[in-house]
């Protein structure tokens, strides 16, 4: 007996983005614990390159997962590749919970990273391929929200678990890491309810299933709905053209494809180079610099994650109206200001603490009084701007720019770029705090300015356009990025054409009105149910 599927796109997004929640869980399973007495005692106060290796291990594993995700997704489908990733998570979590050394902890986070690399690249692909063009941005934003909910939930789980046992016991962090089993098991339990992507089904020649899923998602199962007919024509026409593309790596560079490859990979790289993950991974260190210690420090970090969620929810409601370009450009500039202010205040008013603040060897500078309040305020403001702009929009944009033939591998390339820089920064930040302290923020401020410049000159607007129309934006002779606007879609005109054909009787209906399909030359053909 076949398991019934659910076709409400918001419900599908909530289930599939549990994969994003895994990413959030692993971020704060470390950030909430690195400052605890139990962690510092058991792992012998790891700092510098040791702490950098622990922090960046997840990203290192994610590089492997993202690199393999394209092949897995094209071979087995978007849905099944996400479920496969969860199996890695269960193994990695078991290794972390049973850890007896820094090496084993790093190994567990590496294995978890393989899962995160797969899910972070293929969940946005799945969501983009099942969404309507005017809702695609908000649907993919749910992925970012899931990451943030994972961060917030796990942060306070870690905070609560820090009270378990004595300062020289391991029950606190083992309990916190063990709770990571729950979301992966939940996703594996629910994933049979997810239908396969209609575009993937079309790509592998399962036409009947593709039309059925597309109709159920877009029009409650009515295959003759003008939107379904028009969108199917776009899918088949585009797929037929792409089948003539060059094989292998050349398909990512020929006839303007290099622009898409560059846009998808660079927007993900800039998300990391913006420096926001300094806060998400090492907020405990930043607030130590500002004089916050103990429970106050941890609760202040939790407030940051709550702000992250609140303002990403705000983005959910306007991302498809405002567009991608303004959010990427002005978001990067806003983050640059925050970084430069934090760095400037720490550089001007900071006091060197050679032995580390409260014995933490990663934090060697401290401010107090009004300057500390400025550091805290602009740290929060940085996260707010990031939550409104680069955090969700980079995932949305990277999932949109690829062609159907290259989307799974392309999003794997984009996610690999994200995780390469995530790995590099995770490794870089603790030593940077130790060696150049406040100058770290100045570096990120300058990088954010570079991100804004590149977004202006090389990212065309993709909001409220079909995935097939976005392909035209990157082709040779396409519009300059700064000349593109939200909307300007031709799909509505195509829908009107279909309606006219239906009114004139050029489309014949069967009794149940479910078997009509337009072919590439505009004729109609019948699909046998």
Protein backbone atom coordinates (compact mmCIF):
# COMPACT_ATOMS: atom_id res chain seq x y z
CA UNK A 1 0.00 0.00 0.00
CA UNK A 2 1.42 3.35 -1.08
CA UNK A 3 2.00 5.93 1.63
CA UNK A 4 -0.20 9.00 0.95
CA UNK A 5 1.68 12.17 0.09
CA UNK A 6 1.08 15.73 1.26
CA UNK A 7 1.17 18.49 -1.37
CA UNK A 8 0.84 21.71 0.64
CA UNK A 9 4.12 23.49 -0.11
CA UNK A 10 4.39 25.14 3.30
CA UNK A 11 3.92 21.80 5.04
CA UNK A 12 6.47 20.19 2.71
CA UNK A 13 8.88 23.01 3.51
CA UNK A 14 8.46 22.58 7.26
CA UNK A 15 9.18 18.84 7.05
CA UNK A 16 12.11 19.02 4.63
CA UNK A 17 13.78 21.91 6.44
CA UNK A 18 14.23 19.79 9.54
CA UNK A 19 17.45 19.09 7.61
CA UNK A 20 18.34 22.74 8.15
CA UNK A 21 17.50 22.41 11.82
CA UNK A 22 20.26 19.80 12.08
CA UNK A 23 22.75 22.46 10.96
CA UNK A 24 21.45 24.83 13.64
CA UNK A 25 21.60 22.13 16.31
CA UNK A 26 25.24 21.44 15.61
CA UNK A 27 26.20 25.14 15.61
CA UNK A 28 24.84 25.84 19.07
CA UNK A 29 25.64 22.41 20.46
CA UNK A 30 29.16 23.84 20.41
CA UNK A 31 28.60 27.57 20.95
CA UNK A 32 26.55 27.01 24.14
CA UNK A 33 29.14 24.64 25.54
CA UNK A 34 32.59 26.05 24.66
CA UNK A 35 32.45 28.44 27.63
CA UNK A 36 31.28 25.93 30.23
CA UNK A 37 33.53 24.71 33.02
CA UNK A 38 32.88 21.07 32.11
CA UNK A 39 34.01 21.54 28.50
CA UNK A 40 37.11 23.54 29.45
CA UNK A 41 38.03 20.98 32.11
CA UNK A 42 37.47 17.82 30.06
CA UNK A 43 39.16 19.03 26.86
CA UNK A 44 41.95 20.88 28.69
CA UNK A 45 40.92 24.45 27.79
CA UNK A 46 41.23 24.10 23.98
CA UNK A 47 42.23 27.34 22.27
CA UNK A 48 43.82 28.64 19.10
CA UNK A 49 44.16 25.98 16.41
CA UNK A 50 42.72 23.23 18.65
CA UNK A 51 39.46 25.08 19.19
CA UNK A 52 39.52 26.18 15.56
CA UNK A 53 39.75 22.54 14.45
CA UNK A 54 36.82 21.55 16.67
CA UNK A 55 34.73 24.46 15.43
CA UNK A 56 35.57 23.97 11.75
CA UNK A 57 35.22 20.17 11.68
CA UNK A 58 31.51 20.44 10.85
CA UNK A 59 32.33 22.61 7.85
CA UNK A 60 35.07 20.23 6.70
CA UNK A 61 32.59 17.35 6.65
CA UNK A 62 30.03 19.57 4.97
CA UNK A 63 32.43 20.18 2.09
CA UNK A 64 32.48 16.43 1.46
CA UNK A 65 28.69 16.18 1.76
CA UNK A 66 28.03 19.13 -0.53
CA UNK A 67 30.50 17.86 -3.12
CA UNK A 68 28.72 14.47 -3.23
CA UNK A 69 25.20 15.89 -3.00
CA UNK A 70 24.81 16.74 -6.70
CA UNK A 71 25.42 13.17 -7.83
CA UNK A 72 23.22 11.75 -5.07
CA UNK A 73 20.39 14.16 -5.84
CA UNK A 74 20.43 13.56 -9.60
CA UNK A 75 20.70 9.79 -9.16
CA UNK A 76 18.23 9.16 -6.33
CA UNK A 77 16.20 12.38 -6.16
CA UNK A 78 16.15 15.46 -3.95
CA UNK A 79 13.95 13.84 -1.32
CA UNK A 80 15.91 10.61 -0.93
CA UNK A 81 19.29 12.36 -0.82
CA UNK A 82 18.05 14.38 2.18
CA UNK A 83 17.01 11.19 3.97
CA UNK A 84 20.39 9.60 3.19
CA UNK A 85 22.11 12.57 4.82
CA UNK A 86 20.20 11.92 8.05
CA UNK A 87 21.84 8.51 8.39
CA UNK A 88 25.24 10.22 8.58
CA UNK A 89 23.87 12.50 11.27
CA UNK A 90 22.85 9.60 13.48
CA UNK A 91 26.32 8.05 13.22
CA UNK A 92 28.12 11.36 13.84
CA UNK A 93 25.99 12.16 16.86
CA UNK A 94 26.75 8.74 18.36
CA UNK A 95 30.48 9.41 17.95
CA UNK A 96 30.17 12.83 19.63
CA UNK A 97 28.12 11.55 22.57
CA UNK A 98 30.69 8.84 23.29
CA UNK A 99 33.70 11.15 22.85
CA UNK A 100 36.81 10.61 24.95
CA UNK A 101 39.16 13.06 23.24
CA UNK A 102 39.38 16.12 21.05
CA UNK A 103 40.15 13.83 18.10
CA UNK A 104 36.94 11.84 18.56
CA UNK A 105 34.92 15.03 18.96
CA UNK A 106 36.36 16.34 15.70
CA UNK A 107 35.56 13.00 14.00
CA UNK A 108 31.94 13.13 15.17
CA UNK A 109 31.52 16.68 13.93
CA UNK A 110 33.11 15.71 10.60
CA UNK A 111 30.57 12.92 10.12
CA UNK A 112 27.70 15.22 11.11
CA UNK A 113 29.06 17.67 8.57
CA UNK A 114 28.54 15.20 5.72
CA UNK A 115 24.83 15.26 6.57
CA UNK A 116 24.74 19.05 6.77
CA UNK A 117 26.54 19.38 3.43
CA UNK A 118 23.92 17.20 1.73
CA UNK A 119 20.87 18.74 3.36
CA UNK A 120 22.04 22.36 3.15
CA UNK A 121 22.53 22.04 -0.62
CA UNK A 122 19.57 19.87 -1.57
CA UNK A 123 16.76 21.14 0.68
CA UNK A 124 16.84 24.55 -1.11
CA UNK A 125 16.83 22.72 -4.47
CA UNK A 126 13.79 20.69 -3.43
CA UNK A 127 11.96 23.75 -2.13
CA UNK A 128 12.75 25.84 -5.23
CA UNK A 129 11.49 23.10 -7.53
CA UNK A 130 8.13 22.63 -5.80
CA UNK A 131 7.33 26.33 -5.22
CA UNK A 132 5.32 28.80 -7.24
CA UNK A 133 7.47 31.63 -8.62
CA UNK A 134 5.78 34.33 -6.50
CA UNK A 135 6.21 32.30 -3.28
CA UNK A 136 9.60 30.73 -3.92
CA UNK A 137 11.58 33.21 -1.85
CA UNK A 138 9.39 32.86 1.23
CA UNK A 139 9.34 29.06 0.90
CA UNK A 140 13.14 28.81 0.76
CA UNK A 141 13.41 31.27 3.68
CA UNK A 142 11.80 28.54 5.80
CA UNK A 143 15.12 26.69 5.42
CA UNK A 144 16.93 29.58 7.10
CA UNK A 145 14.25 29.78 9.79
CA UNK A 146 14.73 26.09 10.52
CA UNK A 147 18.48 26.62 10.93
CA UNK A 148 17.81 29.45 13.36
CA UNK A 149 15.20 27.55 15.35
CA UNK A 150 17.72 24.73 15.62
CA UNK A 151 20.35 27.18 16.88
CA UNK A 152 18.00 28.71 19.46
CA UNK A 153 16.53 25.44 20.74
CA UNK A 154 19.89 23.73 21.04
CA UNK A 155 21.52 26.78 22.61
CA UNK A 156 19.10 26.76 25.51
CA UNK A 157 19.26 22.97 25.74
CA UNK A 158 23.02 23.36 26.08
CA UNK A 159 22.52 26.13 28.63
CA UNK A 160 20.13 24.00 30.66
CA UNK A 161 22.41 20.97 30.47
CA UNK A 162 25.34 23.05 31.76
CA UNK A 163 23.76 22.75 35.23
CA UNK A 164 23.89 18.94 35.11
CA UNK A 165 26.60 17.34 37.24
CA UNK A 166 29.67 18.97 38.71
CA UNK A 167 32.23 21.23 37.00
CA UNK A 168 34.33 18.09 36.53
CA UNK A 169 31.77 15.78 34.91
CA UNK A 170 30.79 15.09 31.31
CA UNK A 171 27.06 14.45 31.68
CA UNK A 172 26.20 18.03 30.72
CA UNK A 173 27.61 18.12 27.20
CA UNK A 174 26.95 14.42 26.50
CA UNK A 175 23.26 14.96 27.29
CA UNK A 176 23.09 18.05 25.09
CA UNK A 177 24.77 16.31 22.16
CA UNK A 178 22.58 13.22 22.59
CA UNK A 179 19.42 15.29 22.06
CA UNK A 180 20.66 15.84 18.49
CA UNK A 181 19.31 12.37 17.63
CA UNK A 182 15.72 13.67 17.86
CA UNK A 183 15.37 15.91 14.75
CA UNK A 184 17.12 13.42 12.45
CA UNK A 185 14.89 10.57 13.61
CA UNK A 186 11.83 12.80 13.14
CA UNK A 187 12.82 13.69 9.57
CA UNK A 188 13.41 10.04 8.67
CA UNK A 189 9.98 9.21 10.09
CA UNK A 190 8.20 11.92 8.08
CA UNK A 191 10.11 11.91 4.79
CA UNK A 192 7.85 9.27 3.09
CA UNK A 193 5.08 11.90 3.18
CA UNK A 194 7.09 14.12 0.81
CA UNK A 195 6.43 13.83 -2.95
CA UNK A 196 9.38 13.84 -5.29
CA UNK A 197 10.31 17.03 -7.12
CA UNK A 198 8.29 17.29 -10.38
CA UNK A 199 11.29 18.80 -12.15
CA UNK A 200 13.53 15.91 -11.09
CA UNK A 201 10.85 13.44 -12.25
CA UNK A 202 10.76 15.20 -15.63
CA UNK A 203 14.54 15.17 -15.80
CA UNK A 204 14.72 11.38 -15.36
CA UNK A 205 11.85 10.72 -17.79
CA UNK A 206 9.08 9.89 -15.29
CA UNK A 207 6.68 12.18 -17.12
CA UNK A 208 3.38 10.86 -15.78
CA UNK A 209 4.50 11.23 -12.17
CA UNK A 210 5.97 14.66 -12.89
CA UNK A 211 2.71 16.02 -14.28
CA UNK A 212 0.70 14.48 -11.47
CA UNK A 213 2.89 16.02 -8.75
CA UNK A 214 3.04 19.39 -10.51
CA UNK A 215 -0.76 19.48 -10.84
CA UNK A 216 -1.31 18.42 -7.22
CA UNK A 217 1.08 21.08 -5.89
CA UNK A 218 -0.01 23.93 -8.17
CA UNK A 219 -3.70 23.26 -8.84
CA UNK A 220 -5.09 20.62 -6.45
CA UNK A 221 -4.60 17.91 -9.08
CA UNK A 222 -6.17 19.68 -12.10
CA UNK A 223 -3.83 18.97 -15.01
CA UNK A 224 -5.74 21.34 -17.29
CA UNK A 225 -5.18 24.34 -15.03
CA UNK A 226 -3.51 27.05 -17.18
CA UNK A 227 -0.68 27.47 -14.68
CA UNK A 228 0.09 23.75 -14.78
CA UNK A 229 -0.02 23.64 -18.59
CA UNK A 230 2.13 26.76 -18.99
CA UNK A 231 4.68 25.70 -16.39
CA UNK A 232 4.95 22.19 -17.81
CA UNK A 233 5.61 23.64 -21.27
CA UNK A 234 8.42 25.75 -19.82
CA UNK A 235 9.90 22.74 -18.03
CA UNK A 236 9.85 20.48 -21.09
CA UNK A 237 11.10 23.16 -23.47
CA UNK A 238 13.96 24.12 -21.19
CA UNK A 239 14.87 20.51 -20.44
CA UNK A 240 14.93 19.64 -24.15
CA UNK A 241 17.32 22.53 -24.83
CA UNK A 242 19.56 21.60 -21.91
CA UNK A 243 19.83 17.99 -23.07
CA UNK A 244 21.95 19.35 -25.93
CA UNK A 245 24.40 21.00 -23.54
CA UNK A 246 28.02 19.98 -23.21
CA UNK A 247 28.82 17.06 -20.89
CA UNK A 248 30.71 17.15 -17.61
CA UNK A 249 32.18 20.29 -16.11
CA UNK A 250 31.84 22.23 -19.38
CA UNK A 251 28.09 22.61 -18.86
CA UNK A 252 28.91 24.96 -15.97
CA UNK A 253 30.85 27.44 -18.12
CA UNK A 254 29.49 27.39 -21.69
CA UNK A 255 27.13 30.05 -23.16
CA UNK A 256 26.97 32.23 -20.09
CA UNK A 257 26.69 29.36 -17.63
CA UNK A 258 29.89 30.62 -16.00
CA UNK A 259 27.88 33.65 -14.84
CA UNK A 260 25.43 31.38 -13.02
CA UNK A 261 28.21 29.28 -11.55
CA UNK A 262 29.99 32.41 -10.38
CA UNK A 263 26.79 33.94 -8.95
CA UNK A 264 25.69 30.80 -7.11
CA UNK A 265 29.10 30.04 -5.62
CA UNK A 266 30.05 33.63 -4.78
CA UNK A 267 26.78 34.54 -3.03
CA UNK A 268 27.32 31.56 -0.72
CA UNK A 269 30.96 32.51 -0.17
CA UNK A 270 29.96 36.07 0.74
CA UNK A 271 27.45 34.79 3.25
CA UNK A 272 30.40 33.37 5.18
CA UNK A 273 32.88 36.15 4.45
CA UNK A 274 30.37 38.65 5.84
CA UNK A 275 31.57 37.49 9.26
CA UNK A 276 28.16 36.88 10.80
CA UNK A 277 29.19 33.40 11.86
CA UNK A 278 31.71 35.03 14.18
CA UNK A 279 28.60 35.76 16.22
CA UNK A 280 26.72 32.49 15.68
CA UNK A 281 29.71 30.27 16.48
CA UNK A 282 31.66 32.42 18.93
CA UNK A 283 29.16 34.88 20.44
CA UNK A 284 30.34 33.72 23.89
CA UNK A 285 33.82 35.06 23.07
CA UNK A 286 32.54 38.38 21.71
CA UNK A 287 30.42 39.01 24.80
CA UNK A 288 33.36 38.07 27.03
CA UNK A 289 35.22 40.91 25.32
CA UNK A 290 32.32 43.17 26.31
CA UNK A 291 32.51 42.10 29.94
CA UNK A 292 29.60 39.65 30.06
CA UNK A 293 30.41 36.51 32.02
CA UNK A 294 28.77 33.35 33.32
CA UNK A 295 25.02 32.89 32.89
CA UNK A 296 24.58 36.50 31.74
CA UNK A 297 26.88 35.75 28.81
CA UNK A 298 24.98 32.62 27.80
CA UNK A 299 21.55 34.24 28.13
CA UNK A 300 22.75 37.23 26.09
CA UNK A 301 23.85 34.78 23.40
CA UNK A 302 20.40 33.21 23.47
CA UNK A 303 18.82 36.64 22.99
CA UNK A 304 20.92 37.03 19.85
CA UNK A 305 19.52 33.79 18.43
CA UNK A 306 15.96 34.88 19.28
CA UNK A 307 16.54 38.12 17.36
CA UNK A 308 17.86 36.03 14.49
CA UNK A 309 14.54 34.17 14.25
CA UNK A 310 12.30 37.21 14.73
CA UNK A 311 13.89 39.19 11.91
CA UNK A 312 14.12 36.25 9.52
CA UNK A 313 10.36 35.85 10.01
CA UNK A 314 10.04 39.49 8.94
CA UNK A 315 12.01 38.67 5.77
CA UNK A 316 9.56 35.84 5.02
CA UNK A 317 6.82 38.41 4.40
CA UNK A 318 8.65 40.81 2.08
CA UNK A 319 11.44 38.92 0.29
CA UNK A 320 9.33 38.23 -2.82
CA UNK A 321 8.22 41.87 -3.05
CA UNK A 322 11.48 43.63 -2.27
CA UNK A 323 13.64 41.39 -4.43
CA UNK A 324 17.04 39.78 -3.91
CA UNK A 325 19.42 42.50 -5.14
CA UNK A 326 18.50 45.29 -2.68
CA UNK A 327 18.68 42.91 0.27
CA UNK A 328 22.09 41.58 -0.76
CA UNK A 329 23.57 45.02 -1.48
CA UNK A 330 22.23 47.05 1.44
CA UNK A 331 22.51 44.12 3.84
CA UNK A 332 26.24 43.81 3.14
CA UNK A 333 26.73 47.56 3.62
CA UNK A 334 24.81 47.51 6.90
CA UNK A 335 26.91 44.63 8.19
CA UNK A 336 30.09 46.45 7.15
CA UNK A 337 29.10 49.40 9.35
CA UNK A 338 28.44 47.10 12.33
CA UNK A 339 31.78 45.30 11.98
CA UNK A 340 33.73 48.55 11.64
CA UNK A 341 32.03 50.06 14.71
CA UNK A 342 32.71 46.97 16.87
CA UNK A 343 36.31 46.79 15.67
CA UNK A 344 36.82 50.53 16.13
CA UNK A 345 35.46 50.54 19.68
CA UNK A 346 37.51 47.50 20.73
CA UNK A 347 40.62 49.01 19.15
CA UNK A 348 40.11 52.41 20.78
CA UNK A 349 38.95 51.41 24.25
CA UNK A 350 40.03 47.78 24.64
CA UNK A 351 42.45 46.65 27.34
CA UNK A 352 44.81 43.76 26.61
CA UNK A 353 44.35 40.70 28.83
CA UNK A 354 47.36 38.46 27.99
CA UNK A 355 46.19 35.54 30.13
CA UNK A 356 42.71 35.59 28.62
CA UNK A 357 39.47 36.96 30.03
CA UNK A 358 38.37 34.64 32.88
CA UNK A 359 41.15 32.29 31.83
CA UNK A 360 39.77 31.81 28.30
CA UNK A 361 42.87 31.90 26.10
CA UNK A 362 40.84 32.82 23.00
CA UNK A 363 39.74 36.20 24.42
CA UNK A 364 42.67 38.56 25.06
CA UNK A 365 40.96 41.97 24.93
CA UNK A 366 38.23 43.50 27.08
CA UNK A 367 36.18 46.70 27.26
CA UNK A 368 33.91 48.01 29.99
CA UNK A 369 31.42 50.80 30.59
CA UNK A 370 29.84 52.60 27.62
CA UNK A 371 32.18 51.06 25.00
CA UNK A 372 31.07 47.57 26.08
CA UNK A 373 27.45 48.60 25.58
CA UNK A 374 28.28 49.78 22.06
CA UNK A 375 29.96 46.44 21.27
CA UNK A 376 26.92 44.51 22.52
CA UNK A 377 24.43 46.77 20.70
CA UNK A 378 26.22 46.60 17.34
CA UNK A 379 26.76 42.85 17.73
CA UNK A 380 23.00 42.48 18.04
CA UNK A 381 22.44 44.92 15.17
CA UNK A 382 24.82 42.91 12.99
CA UNK A 383 22.71 39.79 13.54
CA UNK A 384 19.49 41.70 12.86
CA UNK A 385 20.80 43.00 9.52
CA UNK A 386 22.15 39.55 8.63
CA UNK A 387 18.82 37.89 9.50
CA UNK A 388 16.95 40.36 7.28
CA UNK A 389 19.29 40.02 4.32
CA UNK A 390 22.27 37.76 3.62
CA UNK A 391 21.30 34.86 5.89
CA UNK A 392 18.11 33.88 4.05
CA UNK A 393 18.66 35.58 0.68
CA UNK A 394 21.96 33.85 -0.09
CA UNK A 395 20.26 30.44 0.13
CA UNK A 396 17.30 31.63 -1.93
CA UNK A 397 19.44 33.20 -4.65
CA UNK A 398 21.82 30.25 -4.90
CA UNK A 399 18.90 27.84 -5.37
CA UNK A 400 17.40 29.93 -8.19
CA UNK A 401 20.26 30.68 -10.59
CA UNK A 402 20.88 27.16 -11.92
CA UNK A 403 19.32 25.45 -14.93
CA UNK A 404 17.29 22.28 -14.40
CA UNK A 405 20.06 20.15 -15.88
CA UNK A 406 22.68 21.62 -13.52
CA UNK A 407 20.65 22.54 -10.41
CA UNK A 408 21.55 19.62 -8.15
CA UNK A 409 25.27 19.71 -8.97
CA UNK A 410 25.23 23.50 -9.12
CA UNK A 411 23.72 23.88 -5.66
CA UNK A 412 26.32 21.36 -4.52
CA UNK A 413 29.01 23.69 -5.92
CA UNK A 414 27.41 26.69 -4.19
CA UNK A 415 27.12 24.87 -0.87
CA UNK A 416 30.71 23.64 -1.21
CA UNK A 417 31.82 27.27 -1.55
CA UNK A 418 29.82 28.12 1.55
CA UNK A 419 31.37 25.32 3.57
CA UNK A 420 34.90 25.92 2.30
CA UNK A 421 34.78 29.45 3.64
CA UNK A 422 32.89 28.32 6.73
CA UNK A 423 35.70 25.84 7.39
CA UNK A 424 38.40 28.45 6.75
CA UNK A 425 36.73 31.01 9.02
CA UNK A 426 36.00 28.45 11.75
CA UNK A 427 39.68 27.63 11.75
CA UNK A 428 40.74 31.29 11.43
CA UNK A 429 38.59 33.08 14.00
CA UNK A 430 39.88 31.66 17.33
CA UNK A 431 43.55 32.25 16.37
CA UNK A 432 42.56 35.65 14.95
CA UNK A 433 40.89 36.67 18.21
CA UNK A 434 44.00 35.53 20.04
CA UNK A 435 46.55 37.21 17.73
CA UNK A 436 44.94 40.30 16.14
CA UNK A 437 41.84 40.67 18.38
CA UNK A 438 39.84 43.75 17.26
CA UNK A 439 41.38 43.86 13.77
CA UNK A 440 39.36 40.72 12.97
CA UNK A 441 36.21 42.85 12.80
CA UNK A 442 37.88 45.43 10.53
CA UNK A 443 38.75 42.66 8.06
CA UNK A 444 35.15 41.49 7.96
CA UNK A 445 33.90 45.06 7.52
CA UNK A 446 36.06 45.52 4.42
CA UNK A 447 34.93 42.16 3.03
CA UNK A 448 31.28 43.19 3.42
CA UNK A 449 31.91 46.28 1.30
CA UNK A 450 33.38 43.99 -1.38
CA UNK A 451 30.25 41.81 -1.20
CA UNK A 452 27.99 44.81 -1.82
CA UNK A 453 30.02 45.90 -4.85
CA UNK A 454 29.93 42.46 -6.42
CA UNK A 455 26.20 42.05 -5.79
CA UNK A 456 25.56 45.31 -7.61
CA UNK A 457 27.60 44.49 -10.72
CA UNK A 458 26.97 40.75 -11.18
CA UNK A 459 23.69 39.57 -9.59
CA UNK A 460 20.55 40.04 -11.74
CA UNK A 461 17.18 40.19 -9.99
CA UNK A 462 15.41 36.81 -9.78
CA UNK A 463 12.34 37.54 -7.62
CA UNK A 464 8.90 36.68 -9.03
CA UNK A 465 10.30 34.99 -12.11
CA UNK A 466 9.94 31.32 -13.02
CA UNK A 467 13.06 29.19 -12.72
CA UNK A 468 13.05 28.80 -16.50
CA UNK A 469 12.85 32.58 -17.03
CA UNK A 470 15.79 33.14 -14.70
CA UNK A 471 17.91 31.16 -17.15
CA UNK A 472 17.37 33.90 -19.75
CA UNK A 473 18.85 36.49 -17.37
CA UNK A 474 22.28 34.83 -17.54
CA UNK A 475 22.43 34.01 -21.24
CA UNK A 476 24.74 35.96 -23.59
CA UNK A 477 23.03 39.21 -24.51
CA UNK A 478 20.91 39.18 -21.37
CA UNK A 479 20.18 42.39 -19.42
CA UNK A 480 22.78 44.04 -17.22
CA UNK A 481 22.22 43.06 -13.57
CA UNK A 482 21.55 46.64 -12.46
CA UNK A 483 18.85 46.97 -15.15
CA UNK A 484 16.78 44.04 -13.86
CA UNK A 485 13.75 44.41 -11.63
CA UNK A 486 11.38 42.31 -9.55
CA UNK A 487 8.77 40.53 -11.66
CA UNK A 488 8.77 41.18 -15.40
CA UNK A 489 7.66 37.54 -15.82
CA UNK A 490 6.31 36.17 -19.08
CA UNK A 491 4.58 33.25 -17.39
CA UNK A 492 1.37 35.25 -16.86
CA UNK A 493 1.25 35.97 -20.60
CA UNK A 494 1.72 32.28 -21.28
CA UNK A 495 -1.13 31.45 -18.90
CA UNK A 496 -3.39 33.90 -20.73
CA UNK A 497 -2.48 32.24 -24.03
CA UNK A 498 -3.47 28.87 -22.61
CA UNK A 499 -6.77 30.32 -21.37
CA UNK A 500 -7.47 31.72 -24.84
CA UNK A 501 -6.75 28.32 -26.39
CA UNK A 502 -9.09 26.68 -23.92
CA UNK A 503 -11.86 29.18 -24.64
CA UNK A 504 -11.48 28.67 -28.40
CA UNK A 505 -11.65 24.92 -27.96
CA UNK A 506 -8.15 24.29 -29.28
CA UNK A 507 -7.58 22.12 -26.20
CA UNK A 508 -9.91 19.15 -26.04
CA UNK A 509 -10.91 17.90 -22.62
CA UNK A 510 -11.63 14.42 -21.50
CA UNK A 511 -14.38 13.80 -19.05
CA UNK A 512 -12.18 14.01 -15.97
CA UNK A 513 -10.05 16.90 -17.30
CA UNK A 514 -6.84 15.41 -16.05
CA UNK A 515 -4.96 14.14 -19.10
CA UNK A 516 -4.02 17.19 -21.15
CA UNK A 517 -0.39 18.06 -21.82
CA UNK A 518 1.08 20.71 -24.10
CA UNK A 519 4.08 19.65 -26.12
CA UNK A 520 7.02 21.79 -27.17
CA UNK A 521 5.53 22.81 -30.53
CA UNK A 522 2.36 24.12 -28.91
CA UNK A 523 0.24 21.10 -29.88
CA UNK A 524 -1.56 19.08 -27.24
CA UNK A 525 -1.13 15.45 -26.42
CA UNK A 526 -2.86 13.14 -24.01
CA UNK A 527 -1.13 11.47 -21.12
CA UNK A 528 -2.53 8.08 -20.23
CA UNK A 529 -3.37 7.84 -16.54
